[in-house]
Protein backbone atom coordinates (compact mmCIF):
# COMPACT_ATOMS: atom_id res chain seq x y z
CA MET A 1 92.85 63.49 137.06
CA LYS A 2 92.47 65.11 140.47
CA ASN A 3 95.90 66.78 140.24
CA GLU A 4 95.04 68.16 136.82
CA SER A 5 91.87 69.80 138.15
CA VAL A 6 93.81 71.35 141.04
CA VAL A 7 96.42 72.69 138.62
CA GLU A 8 93.68 74.12 136.42
CA LEU A 9 92.00 75.72 139.45
CA ILE A 10 95.28 77.32 140.52
CA LYS A 11 95.88 78.61 136.97
CA ASP A 12 92.36 80.03 136.87
CA LEU A 13 92.72 81.74 140.26
CA THR A 14 96.11 83.14 139.27
CA ALA A 15 94.69 84.55 136.05
CA LYS A 16 91.77 86.14 137.89
CA LEU A 17 94.06 87.70 140.52
CA SER A 18 96.33 89.04 137.77
CA ALA A 19 93.35 90.57 136.01
CA VAL A 20 92.20 92.27 139.22
CA ALA A 21 95.73 93.58 139.84
CA GLU A 22 95.99 94.93 136.27
CA GLU A 23 92.63 96.69 136.51
CA PHE A 24 93.60 98.16 139.87
CA ASN A 25 96.98 99.37 138.56
CA GLY A 26 95.22 101.00 135.62
CA ARG A 27 92.86 102.84 137.96
CA VAL A 28 95.78 104.01 140.11
CA ALA A 29 97.69 105.28 137.08
CA HIS A 30 94.58 107.09 135.83
CA ALA A 31 93.91 108.66 139.24
CA ALA A 32 97.54 109.76 139.57
CA GLU A 33 97.32 111.49 136.18
CA GLU A 34 94.28 113.42 137.38
CA ALA A 35 95.92 114.70 140.58
CA PRO A 36 95.19 118.41 141.01
CA VAL A 37 98.07 120.66 139.99
CA GLY A 38 100.12 121.92 142.92
CA GLU A 39 99.11 119.11 145.25
CA GLU A 40 101.79 116.63 144.24
CA ASN A 41 104.09 118.07 146.92
CA ASP A 42 101.40 118.44 149.54
CA GLU A 43 102.18 115.04 151.06
CA ALA A 44 102.34 116.37 154.62
CA ALA A 45 98.70 117.42 154.38
CA LEU A 46 97.77 113.99 153.00
CA VAL A 47 99.60 112.27 155.86
CA ASP A 48 97.81 114.48 158.39
CA PHE A 49 94.52 113.65 156.70
CA ALA A 50 95.33 109.92 156.75
CA GLU A 51 96.14 110.15 160.47
CA THR A 52 92.76 111.81 161.03
CA VAL A 53 90.98 109.08 159.07
CA LEU A 54 92.81 106.41 161.09
CA GLU A 55 91.91 108.12 164.38
CA GLN A 56 88.27 108.42 163.32
CA ARG A 57 88.19 104.71 162.46
CA ARG A 58 89.52 103.82 165.90
CA MET A 59 87.12 106.20 167.63
CA ARG A 60 84.11 104.37 166.19
CA ARG A 61 84.91 101.40 168.44
CA GLN A 62 84.34 103.58 171.52
CA PHE A 63 80.70 104.02 170.63
CA LEU A 64 79.74 100.98 168.58
CA PRO A 65 80.64 97.27 168.57
CA GLY A 66 84.06 96.69 167.02
CA GLU A 67 82.87 93.84 164.80
CA LEU A 68 80.95 96.38 162.70
CA PHE A 69 84.22 97.90 161.49
CA HIS A 70 86.44 94.97 160.67
CA GLU A 71 88.58 96.09 157.72
CA PRO A 72 92.13 95.04 158.61
CA ALA A 73 93.54 95.62 155.12
CA TRP A 74 92.34 99.22 155.07
CA ASP A 75 93.69 99.90 158.56
CA MET A 76 97.04 98.45 157.48
CA LEU A 77 97.20 100.60 154.35
CA LEU A 78 96.43 103.74 156.35
CA ALA A 79 99.03 102.84 159.00
CA LEU A 80 101.67 102.16 156.34
CA PHE A 81 100.90 105.45 154.60
CA VAL A 82 101.30 107.38 157.85
CA SER A 83 104.40 105.46 158.99
CA ARG A 84 106.26 105.90 155.69
CA ASP A 85 106.18 109.65 156.09
CA ALA A 86 107.52 109.44 159.62
CA ARG A 87 110.21 107.06 158.33
CA LEU A 88 109.14 104.54 160.96
CA PRO A 89 109.90 100.94 160.04
CA MET A 90 106.84 98.75 160.09
CA ASN A 91 107.41 95.08 160.72
CA ILE A 92 104.76 92.40 160.53
CA LYS A 93 104.17 92.39 164.28
CA ALA A 94 103.56 96.16 164.37
CA LEU A 95 101.33 96.00 161.31
CA VAL A 96 99.27 93.17 162.80
CA SER A 97 98.71 95.22 165.95
CA MET A 98 97.52 98.17 163.82
CA SER A 99 94.94 96.04 162.06
CA ASP A 100 93.06 95.13 165.23
CA ALA A 101 92.44 91.64 163.82
CA PRO A 102 93.62 88.16 164.74
CA VAL A 103 97.20 87.39 163.72
CA THR A 104 96.25 84.76 161.14
CA THR A 105 93.68 87.05 159.53
CA SER A 106 96.18 89.91 159.42
CA GLN A 107 98.86 87.70 157.91
CA ARG A 108 96.45 86.56 155.19
CA TRP A 109 95.66 90.20 154.41
CA ILE A 110 99.36 91.07 154.30
CA GLU A 111 99.86 88.25 151.79
CA HIS A 112 96.87 89.45 149.73
CA LEU A 113 98.08 93.07 149.75
CA HIS A 114 101.47 91.84 148.57
CA LYS A 115 99.88 89.83 145.74
CA LEU A 116 98.00 92.95 144.68
CA LYS A 117 101.37 94.76 144.67
CA LEU A 118 100.17 97.34 147.21
CA ILE A 119 102.92 96.55 149.71
CA ASP A 120 106.56 95.47 149.62
CA ARG A 121 108.15 93.00 152.00
CA VAL A 122 111.87 93.08 152.77
CA ILE A 123 113.56 90.46 154.91
CA ASP A 124 116.07 91.90 157.38
CA PRO A 125 119.48 90.51 156.31
CA THR A 126 120.75 90.44 159.91
CA ASP A 127 117.66 88.77 161.36
CA ARG A 128 115.82 86.74 158.74
CA ARG A 129 112.85 86.32 161.09
CA ARG A 130 112.14 90.05 160.82
CA VAL A 131 110.25 91.31 157.76
CA GLU A 132 109.82 95.02 157.08
CA ILE A 133 106.60 96.05 155.35
CA SER A 134 106.10 99.25 153.37
CA LEU A 135 103.75 100.60 150.76
CA SER A 136 104.85 99.80 147.24
CA HIS A 137 104.95 102.55 144.64
CA THR A 138 101.54 101.37 143.42
CA GLY A 139 100.15 101.33 146.96
CA ASP A 140 101.56 104.77 147.69
CA GLN A 141 100.06 106.23 144.51
CA ALA A 142 96.69 104.60 145.22
CA MET A 143 96.59 105.95 148.77
CA LYS A 144 97.54 109.46 147.64
CA ALA A 145 94.93 109.46 144.89
CA TYR A 146 92.20 108.17 147.21
CA LEU A 147 93.06 110.56 150.05
CA ARG A 148 93.11 113.52 147.63
CA ALA A 149 89.72 112.52 146.27
CA LEU A 150 88.31 112.00 149.76
CA LYS A 151 89.74 115.29 150.99
CA HIS A 152 88.15 117.23 148.14
CA GLN A 153 84.66 115.77 148.30
């Protein structure tokens, strides 16, 4: 009986997570369709803007307590967006350091971002302990759409 309830709970959680992911993917697709004409190729400006946003987020900690700004997933997404343009590989260790959060918290967020299909993980074939992280196509499109919207407010 107890195992059946655990199985049902897992099925329910999986269904809910899938529904959230589907809704999110629909929003990303809709936002990508509405991208202003002529800005599709303006990725360099979006990367510069993302770097500015990331710098501003870090600067807040100079003036206010850091615990007020604890959003490791968002910091990771910004860092991945910036690093992909510079063609810099981002492994888990580097990504954890960018999130300014404890390792276990960062790893949980990495797992959650992967479940939401915002990031891809690739195991290094020569060193299986090393995992490269990058934005997925969905994550990349979401970041571009959000940064465009933010930039044009």
